[in-house]
Amino acid sequence: MLKEMIFLFAILFIVTGCSKGAKNSDTEFNKPDTYWYAKMIKEIKRDDLDKADDAYTSLESEHINSPLVKEALMILQKAHRADREYVMSKFYIDRYTKRYANANNIEYLRFLRIKTNFLTFTRANRDQKLLEDTISDANTYKQRFPRSQYNPYVDTMLTKLYLAELMLNKEIASLYRRTGKLKAAKIYEDKVNKSWLRNTKIKEDRSIIKQIF
């Protein structure tokens, strides 16, 4: 009997708590777009980007056509990039591009995406696929926008990305050779030998990413 009473009280406590939570949650619906925008800015200033993301989600879901959505996307991509949350930053760039890209801003948006991918490598990210994709995107950018004001920055990023690729290929070739996988080692050694940066001297006592980025 005592166990049953304890169990019932426990259930009652949970249900009551959920009910109160639901009521509190209900107060956060059907707010003006300015409310959600101000809440997002407030959370960014408090460095709580998770809550800032939630506020944006509410802004977009309740006010899809609000002009504040456009501005919020750019603010959030910048806030996440400043906090080194590059995946989220790129998410908002892509979302902005999908909704608001035009002939006047696509050049900048594409550059911003490449820059965000590039910054990912400052956190010792050694994702080979991401590295290859970023190099490809940078070269495509230069072909598409040959007179872009951002091309000097793209060239600098490309050089560092190629250096990162060179060092990564060297390490992979060395690993394969040490483990007796000579054919695989040869493939990566050929990539190293074809690199226009193959004779670049990089100190061996520091990590690849810190040297290059």
C-alpha atoms as a PDB file:
ATOM      1  CA  MET A   1       0.000   0.000   0.000  1.00  0.00           C
ATOM      2  CA  LEU A   2       2.793   2.408   0.924  1.00  0.00           C
ATOM      3  CA  LYS A   3       4.618   1.638  -2.309  1.00  0.00           C
ATOM      4  CA  GLU A   4       1.448   2.278  -4.313  1.00  0.00           C
ATOM      5  CA  MET A   5       0.938   5.664  -2.614  1.00  0.00           C
ATOM      6  CA  ILE A   6       4.530   6.671  -3.281  1.00  0.00           C
ATOM      7  CA  PHE A   7       4.119   5.658  -6.908  1.00  0.00           C
ATOM      8  CA  LEU A   8       0.902   7.675  -7.251  1.00  0.00           C
ATOM      9  CA  PHE A   9       2.517  10.761  -5.704  1.00  0.00           C
ATOM     10  CA  ALA A  10       5.437  10.393  -8.089  1.00  0.00           C
ATOM     11  CA  ILE A  11       3.105  10.229 -11.093  1.00  0.00           C
ATOM     12  CA  LEU A  12       1.128  13.227  -9.799  1.00  0.00           C
ATOM     13  CA  PHE A  13       4.363  15.213  -9.390  1.00  0.00           C
ATOM     14  CA  ILE A  14       5.490  14.443 -12.939  1.00  0.00           C
ATOM     15  CA  VAL A  15       2.100  15.290 -14.442  1.00  0.00           C
ATOM     16  CA  THR A  16       1.900  18.544 -12.470  1.00  0.00           C
ATOM     17  CA  GLY A  17       5.406  19.489 -13.529  1.00  0.00           C
ATOM     18  CA  CYS A  18       4.644  18.780 -17.165  1.00  0.00           C
ATOM     19  CA  SER A  19       1.450  20.797 -16.931  1.00  0.00           C
ATOM     20  CA  LYS A  20       3.299  23.794 -15.527  1.00  0.00           C
ATOM     21  CA  GLY A  21       5.958  23.429 -18.197  1.00  0.00           C
ATOM     22  CA  ALA A  22       3.302  23.337 -20.882  1.00  0.00           C
ATOM     23  CA  LYS A  23       1.705  26.491 -19.511  1.00  0.00           C
ATOM     24  CA  ASN A  24       5.041  28.264 -19.472  1.00  0.00           C
ATOM     25  CA  SER A  25       5.726  27.013 -22.957  1.00  0.00           C
ATOM     26  CA  ASP A  26       2.314  28.217 -24.154  1.00  0.00           C
ATOM     27  CA  THR A  27       3.286  31.786 -23.290  1.00  0.00           C
ATOM     28  CA  GLU A  28       6.053  31.536 -25.881  1.00  0.00           C
ATOM     29  CA  PHE A  29       3.688  31.088 -28.821  1.00  0.00           C
ATOM     30  CA  ASN A  30       2.000  33.592 -31.116  1.00  0.00           C
ATOM     31  CA  LYS A  31       4.424  36.419 -30.410  1.00  0.00           C
ATOM     32  CA  PRO A  32       5.193  39.298 -32.787  1.00  0.00           C
ATOM     33  CA  ASP A  33       8.229  38.950 -35.032  1.00  0.00           C
ATOM     34  CA  THR A  34       9.910  41.774 -33.128  1.00  0.00           C
ATOM     35  CA  TYR A  35       9.587  39.752 -29.916  1.00  0.00           C
ATOM     36  CA  TRP A  36      11.408  36.722 -31.350  1.00  0.00           C
ATOM     37  CA  TYR A  37      14.028  38.896 -33.004  1.00  0.00           C
ATOM     38  CA  ALA A  38      14.725  40.775 -29.758  1.00  0.00           C
ATOM     39  CA  LYS A  39      14.865  37.481 -27.865  1.00  0.00           C
ATOM     40  CA  MET A  40      17.370  36.103 -30.379  1.00  0.00           C
ATOM     41  CA  ILE A  41      19.611  39.160 -30.001  1.00  0.00           C
ATOM     42  CA  LYS A  42      19.357  38.938 -26.218  1.00  0.00           C
ATOM     43  CA  GLU A  43      20.451  35.281 -26.225  1.00  0.00           C
ATOM     44  CA  ILE A  44      23.353  36.034 -28.572  1.00  0.00           C
ATOM     45  CA  LYS A  45      24.552  38.742 -26.208  1.00  0.00           C
ATOM     46  CA  ARG A  46      24.315  36.220 -23.373  1.00  0.00           C
ATOM     47  CA  ASP A  47      26.357  33.814 -25.517  1.00  0.00           C
ATOM     48  CA  ASP A  48      23.575  31.231 -25.473  1.00  0.00           C
ATOM     49  CA  LEU A  49      23.422  30.354 -29.137  1.00  0.00           C
ATOM     50  CA  ASP A  50      21.192  27.328 -28.572  1.00  0.00           C
ATOM     51  CA  LYS A  51      18.431  29.576 -27.241  1.00  0.00           C
ATOM     52  CA  ALA A  52      19.163  32.094 -29.984  1.00  0.00           C
ATOM     53  CA  ASP A  53      18.615  29.305 -32.521  1.00  0.00           C
ATOM     54  CA  ASP A  54      15.330  28.424 -30.819  1.00  0.00           C
ATOM     55  CA  ALA A  55      14.184  32.022 -30.980  1.00  0.00           C
ATOM     56  CA  TYR A  56      15.009  32.149 -34.679  1.00  0.00           C
ATOM     57  CA  THR A  57      13.084  28.924 -35.271  1.00  0.00           C
ATOM     58  CA  SER A  58      10.034  30.504 -33.674  1.00  0.00           C
ATOM     59  CA  LEU A  59      10.519  33.679 -35.678  1.00  0.00           C
ATOM     60  CA  GLU A  60      10.672  31.794 -38.953  1.00  0.00           C
ATOM     61  CA  SER A  61       7.857  29.362 -38.180  1.00  0.00           C
ATOM     62  CA  GLU A  62       5.434  32.048 -36.971  1.00  0.00           C
ATOM     63  CA  HIS A  63       6.474  34.857 -39.329  1.00  0.00           C
ATOM     64  CA  ILE A  64       7.921  33.227 -42.441  1.00  0.00           C
ATOM     65  CA  ASN A  65       7.563  36.402 -44.541  1.00  0.00           C
ATOM     66  CA  SER A  66       8.896  38.828 -41.963  1.00  0.00           C
ATOM     67  CA  PRO A  67      11.816  40.963 -43.173  1.00  0.00           C
ATOM     68  CA  LEU A  68      13.455  40.232 -39.815  1.00  0.00           C
ATOM     69  CA  VAL A  69      14.019  36.606 -40.883  1.00  0.00           C
ATOM     70  CA  LYS A  70      16.502  37.710 -43.519  1.00  0.00           C
ATOM     71  CA  GLU A  71      18.477  39.840 -41.099  1.00  0.00           C
ATOM     72  CA  ALA A  72      18.333  37.172 -38.377  1.00  0.00           C
ATOM     73  CA  LEU A  73      19.926  34.586 -40.662  1.00  0.00           C
ATOM     74  CA  MET A  74      22.966  36.758 -41.302  1.00  0.00           C
ATOM     75  CA  ILE A  75      23.320  37.638 -37.641  1.00  0.00           C
ATOM     76  CA  LEU A  76      23.216  33.982 -36.614  1.00  0.00           C
ATOM     77  CA  GLN A  77      25.737  32.825 -39.209  1.00  0.00           C
ATOM     78  CA  LYS A  78      28.111  35.497 -37.970  1.00  0.00           C
ATOM     79  CA  ALA A  79      27.497  34.665 -34.294  1.00  0.00           C
ATOM     80  CA  HIS A  80      28.140  30.959 -34.823  1.00  0.00           C
ATOM     81  CA  ARG A  81      31.270  31.669 -36.859  1.00  0.00           C
ATOM     82  CA  ALA A  82      32.593  33.944 -34.097  1.00  0.00           C
ATOM     83  CA  ASP A  83      31.952  31.111 -31.645  1.00  0.00           C
ATOM     84  CA  ARG A  84      33.794  28.685 -33.973  1.00  0.00           C
ATOM     85  CA  GLU A  85      30.642  26.702 -34.613  1.00  0.00           C
ATOM     86  CA  TYR A  86      31.326  26.506 -38.323  1.00  0.00           C
ATOM     87  CA  VAL A  87      28.814  23.803 -39.212  1.00  0.00           C
ATOM     88  CA  MET A  88      25.976  25.906 -37.814  1.00  0.00           C
ATOM     89  CA  SER A  89      27.366  29.030 -39.445  1.00  0.00           C
ATOM     90  CA  LYS A  90      27.342  27.264 -42.808  1.00  0.00           C
ATOM     91  CA  PHE A  91      23.806  26.030 -42.137  1.00  0.00           C
ATOM     92  CA  TYR A  92      22.555  29.612 -41.850  1.00  0.00           C
ATOM     93  CA  ILE A  93      24.574  30.744 -44.880  1.00  0.00           C
ATOM     94  CA  ASP A  94      23.008  27.979 -46.949  1.00  0.00           C
ATOM     95  CA  ARG A  95      19.550  28.830 -45.650  1.00  0.00           C
ATOM     96  CA  TYR A  96      20.037  32.502 -46.471  1.00  0.00           C
ATOM     97  CA  THR A  97      21.362  31.624 -49.931  1.00  0.00           C
ATOM     98  CA  LYS A  98      18.376  29.391 -50.663  1.00  0.00           C
ATOM     99  CA  ARG A  99      15.879  32.073 -49.735  1.00  0.00           C
ATOM    100  CA  TYR A 100      17.521  35.374 -50.572  1.00  0.00           C
ATOM    101  CA  ALA A 101      20.366  34.869 -53.060  1.00  0.00           C
ATOM    102  CA  ASN A 102      20.302  37.092 -56.111  1.00  0.00           C
ATOM    103  CA  ALA A 103      22.679  38.473 -58.727  1.00  0.00           C
ATOM    104  CA  ASN A 104      23.807  41.205 -56.355  1.00  0.00           C
ATOM    105  CA  ASN A 105      24.801  39.079 -53.374  1.00  0.00           C
ATOM    106  CA  ILE A 106      25.572  35.551 -54.659  1.00  0.00           C
ATOM    107  CA  GLU A 107      29.253  36.397 -55.136  1.00  0.00           C
ATOM    108  CA  TYR A 108      29.594  37.374 -51.487  1.00  0.00           C
ATOM    109  CA  LEU A 109      27.515  34.442 -50.225  1.00  0.00           C
ATOM    110  CA  ARG A 110      29.644  31.906 -52.097  1.00  0.00           C
ATOM    111  CA  PHE A 111      32.788  33.531 -50.758  1.00  0.00           C
ATOM    112  CA  LEU A 112      31.375  33.473 -47.237  1.00  0.00           C
ATOM    113  CA  ARG A 113      30.698  29.743 -47.501  1.00  0.00           C
ATOM    114  CA  ILE A 114      34.231  29.014 -48.707  1.00  0.00           C
ATOM    115  CA  LYS A 115      35.653  31.146 -45.916  1.00  0.00           C
ATOM    116  CA  THR A 116      33.570  29.292 -43.320  1.00  0.00           C
ATOM    117  CA  ASN A 117      34.763  25.913 -44.622  1.00  0.00           C
ATOM    118  CA  PHE A 118      38.307  27.211 -44.576  1.00  0.00           C
ATOM    119  CA  LEU A 119      38.022  28.341 -40.969  1.00  0.00           C
ATOM    120  CA  THR A 120      36.919  24.833 -40.042  1.00  0.00           C
ATOM    121  CA  PHE A 121      40.512  23.708 -40.563  1.00  0.00           C
ATOM    122  CA  THR A 122      41.810  26.099 -37.913  1.00  0.00           C
ATOM    123  CA  ARG A 123      40.339  23.657 -35.403  1.00  0.00           C
ATOM    124  CA  ALA A 124      42.640  20.852 -36.598  1.00  0.00           C
ATOM    125  CA  ASN A 125      39.941  19.381 -38.805  1.00  0.00           C
ATOM    126  CA  ARG A 126      41.560  16.834 -41.089  1.00  0.00           C
ATOM    127  CA  ASP A 127      38.525  15.739 -43.026  1.00  0.00           C
ATOM    128  CA  GLN A 128      39.980  14.785 -46.395  1.00  0.00           C
ATOM    129  CA  LYS A 129      36.636  15.017 -48.208  1.00  0.00           C
ATOM    130  CA  LEU A 130      35.918  18.475 -46.795  1.00  0.00           C
ATOM    131  CA  LEU A 131      39.422  19.579 -47.784  1.00  0.00           C
ATOM    132  CA  GLU A 132      38.950  18.369 -51.358  1.00  0.00           C
ATOM    133  CA  ASP A 133      35.473  19.897 -51.590  1.00  0.00           C
ATOM    134  CA  THR A 134      36.679  23.262 -50.293  1.00  0.00           C
ATOM    135  CA  ILE A 135      39.527  23.327 -52.822  1.00  0.00           C
ATOM    136  CA  SER A 136      37.054  22.463 -55.571  1.00  0.00           C
ATOM    137  CA  ASP A 137      34.599  25.152 -54.408  1.00  0.00           C
ATOM    138  CA  ALA A 138      37.368  27.767 -54.300  1.00  0.00           C
ATOM    139  CA  ASN A 139      38.518  26.964 -57.833  1.00  0.00           C
ATOM    140  CA  THR A 140      34.937  26.983 -59.088  1.00  0.00           C
ATOM    141  CA  TYR A 141      34.427  30.346 -57.429  1.00  0.00           C
ATOM    142  CA  LYS A 142      37.404  31.842 -59.262  1.00  0.00           C
ATOM    143  CA  GLN A 143      36.085  30.535 -62.574  1.00  0.00           C
ATOM    144  CA  ARG A 144      32.592  31.828 -61.943  1.00  0.00           C
ATOM    145  CA  PHE A 145      33.696  35.201 -60.559  1.00  0.00           C
ATOM    146  CA  PRO A 146      37.042  35.958 -62.260  1.00  0.00           C
ATOM    147  CA  ARG A 147      36.856  39.639 -61.335  1.00  0.00           C
ATOM    148  CA  SER A 148      35.629  39.216 -57.788  1.00  0.00           C
ATOM    149  CA  GLN A 149      37.040  41.571 -55.187  1.00  0.00           C
ATOM    150  CA  TYR A 150      37.367  38.524 -52.916  1.00  0.00           C
ATOM    151  CA  ASN A 151      39.675  36.555 -55.206  1.00  0.00           C
ATOM    152  CA  PRO A 152      42.891  37.641 -53.427  1.00  0.00           C
ATOM    153  CA  TYR A 153      41.463  36.131 -50.235  1.00  0.00           C
ATOM    154  CA  VAL A 154      40.386  33.018 -52.112  1.00  0.00           C
ATOM    155  CA  ASP A 155      43.910  32.657 -53.530  1.00  0.00           C
ATOM    156  CA  THR A 156      45.405  32.864 -50.045  1.00  0.00           C
ATOM    157  CA  MET A 157      42.995  30.263 -48.741  1.00  0.00           C
ATOM    158  CA  LEU A 158      43.688  28.011 -51.714  1.00  0.00           C
ATOM    159  CA  THR A 159      47.431  28.095 -51.136  1.00  0.00           C
ATOM    160  CA  LYS A 160      46.981  27.078 -47.507  1.00  0.00           C
ATOM    161  CA  LEU A 161      44.480  24.395 -48.452  1.00  0.00           C
ATOM    162  CA  TYR A 162      46.889  22.963 -51.011  1.00  0.00           C
ATOM    163  CA  LEU A 163      49.614  22.915 -48.367  1.00  0.00           C
ATOM    164  CA  ALA A 164      47.290  21.092 -45.993  1.00  0.00           C
ATOM    165  CA  GLU A 165      46.440  18.610 -48.741  1.00  0.00           C
ATOM    166  CA  LEU A 166      50.149  18.086 -49.491  1.00  0.00           C
ATOM    167  CA  MET A 167      51.026  17.352 -45.872  1.00  0.00           C
ATOM    168  CA  LEU A 168      48.013  15.097 -45.457  1.00  0.00           C
ATOM    169  CA  ASN A 169      48.983  13.102 -48.550  1.00  0.00           C
ATOM    170  CA  LYS A 170      52.533  12.777 -47.220  1.00  0.00           C
ATOM    171  CA  GLU A 171      51.266  11.410 -43.925  1.00  0.00           C
ATOM    172  CA  ILE A 172      48.870   8.969 -45.612  1.00  0.00           C
ATOM    173  CA  ALA A 173      51.622   7.734 -47.954  1.00  0.00           C
ATOM    174  CA  SER A 174      53.965   7.266 -45.003  1.00  0.00           C
ATOM    175  CA  LEU A 175      51.316   5.355 -43.048  1.00  0.00           C
ATOM    176  CA  TYR A 176      50.596   3.009 -45.944  1.00  0.00           C
ATOM    177  CA  ARG A 177      54.298   2.376 -46.500  1.00  0.00           C
ATOM    178  CA  ARG A 178      54.864   1.588 -42.797  1.00  0.00           C
ATOM    179  CA  THR A 179      52.004  -0.894 -42.844  1.00  0.00           C
ATOM    180  CA  GLY A 180      53.231  -2.596 -46.002  1.00  0.00           C
ATOM    181  CA  LYS A 181      50.488  -1.318 -48.312  1.00  0.00           C
ATOM    182  CA  LEU A 182      52.897  -0.276 -51.037  1.00  0.00           C
ATOM    183  CA  LYS A 183      50.406   0.186 -53.897  1.00  0.00           C
ATOM    184  CA  ALA A 184      48.295   2.542 -51.821  1.00  0.00           C
ATOM    185  CA  ALA A 185      51.433   4.355 -50.673  1.00  0.00           C
ATOM    186  CA  LYS A 186      52.486   4.833 -54.302  1.00  0.00           C
ATOM    187  CA  ILE A 187      49.166   6.481 -55.161  1.00  0.00           C
ATOM    188  CA  TYR A 188      49.636   9.138 -52.480  1.00  0.00           C
ATOM    189  CA  GLU A 189      53.336   9.568 -53.215  1.00  0.00           C
ATOM    190  CA  ASP A 190      52.401  10.351 -56.819  1.00  0.00           C
ATOM    191  CA  LYS A 191      49.960  12.984 -55.562  1.00  0.00           C
ATOM    192  CA  VAL A 192      52.754  14.515 -53.486  1.00  0.00           C
ATOM    193  CA  ASN A 193      55.141  14.557 -56.433  1.00  0.00           C
ATOM    194  CA  LYS A 194      52.550  16.255 -58.665  1.00  0.00           C
ATOM    195  CA  SER A 195      51.897  19.046 -56.179  1.00  0.00           C
ATOM    196  CA  TRP A 196      53.289  22.441 -57.162  1.00  0.00           C
ATOM    197  CA  LEU A 197      54.088  22.977 -53.484  1.00  0.00           C
ATOM    198  CA  ARG A 198      56.025  19.723 -53.038  1.00  0.00           C
ATOM    199  CA  ASN A 199      59.311  21.524 -52.294  1.00  0.00           C
ATOM    200  CA  THR A 200      57.810  23.794 -49.644  1.00  0.00           C
ATOM    201  CA  LYS A 201      59.644  23.482 -46.339  1.00  0.00           C
ATOM    202  CA  ILE A 202      57.487  23.064 -43.258  1.00  0.00           C
ATOM    203  CA  LYS A 203      58.919  22.463 -39.799  1.00  0.00           C
ATOM    204  CA  GLU A 204      58.262  18.948 -38.607  1.00  0.00           C
ATOM    205  CA  ASP A 205      58.024  19.781 -34.898  1.00  0.00           C
ATOM    206  CA  ARG A 206      54.655  21.544 -35.140  1.00  0.00           C
ATOM    207  CA  SER A 207      51.275  20.250 -36.141  1.00  0.00           C
ATOM    208  CA  ILE A 208      50.226  20.508 -39.766  1.00  0.00           C
ATOM    209  CA  ILE A 209      47.225  22.712 -39.095  1.00  0.00           C
ATOM    210  CA  LYS A 210      49.035  25.174 -36.839  1.00  0.00           C
ATOM    211  CA  GLN A 211      51.788  25.599 -39.408  1.00  0.00           C
ATOM    212  CA  ILE A 212      49.483  26.128 -42.336  1.00  0.00           C
ATOM    213  CA  PHE A 213      46.610  28.008 -40.748  1.00  0.00           C
END
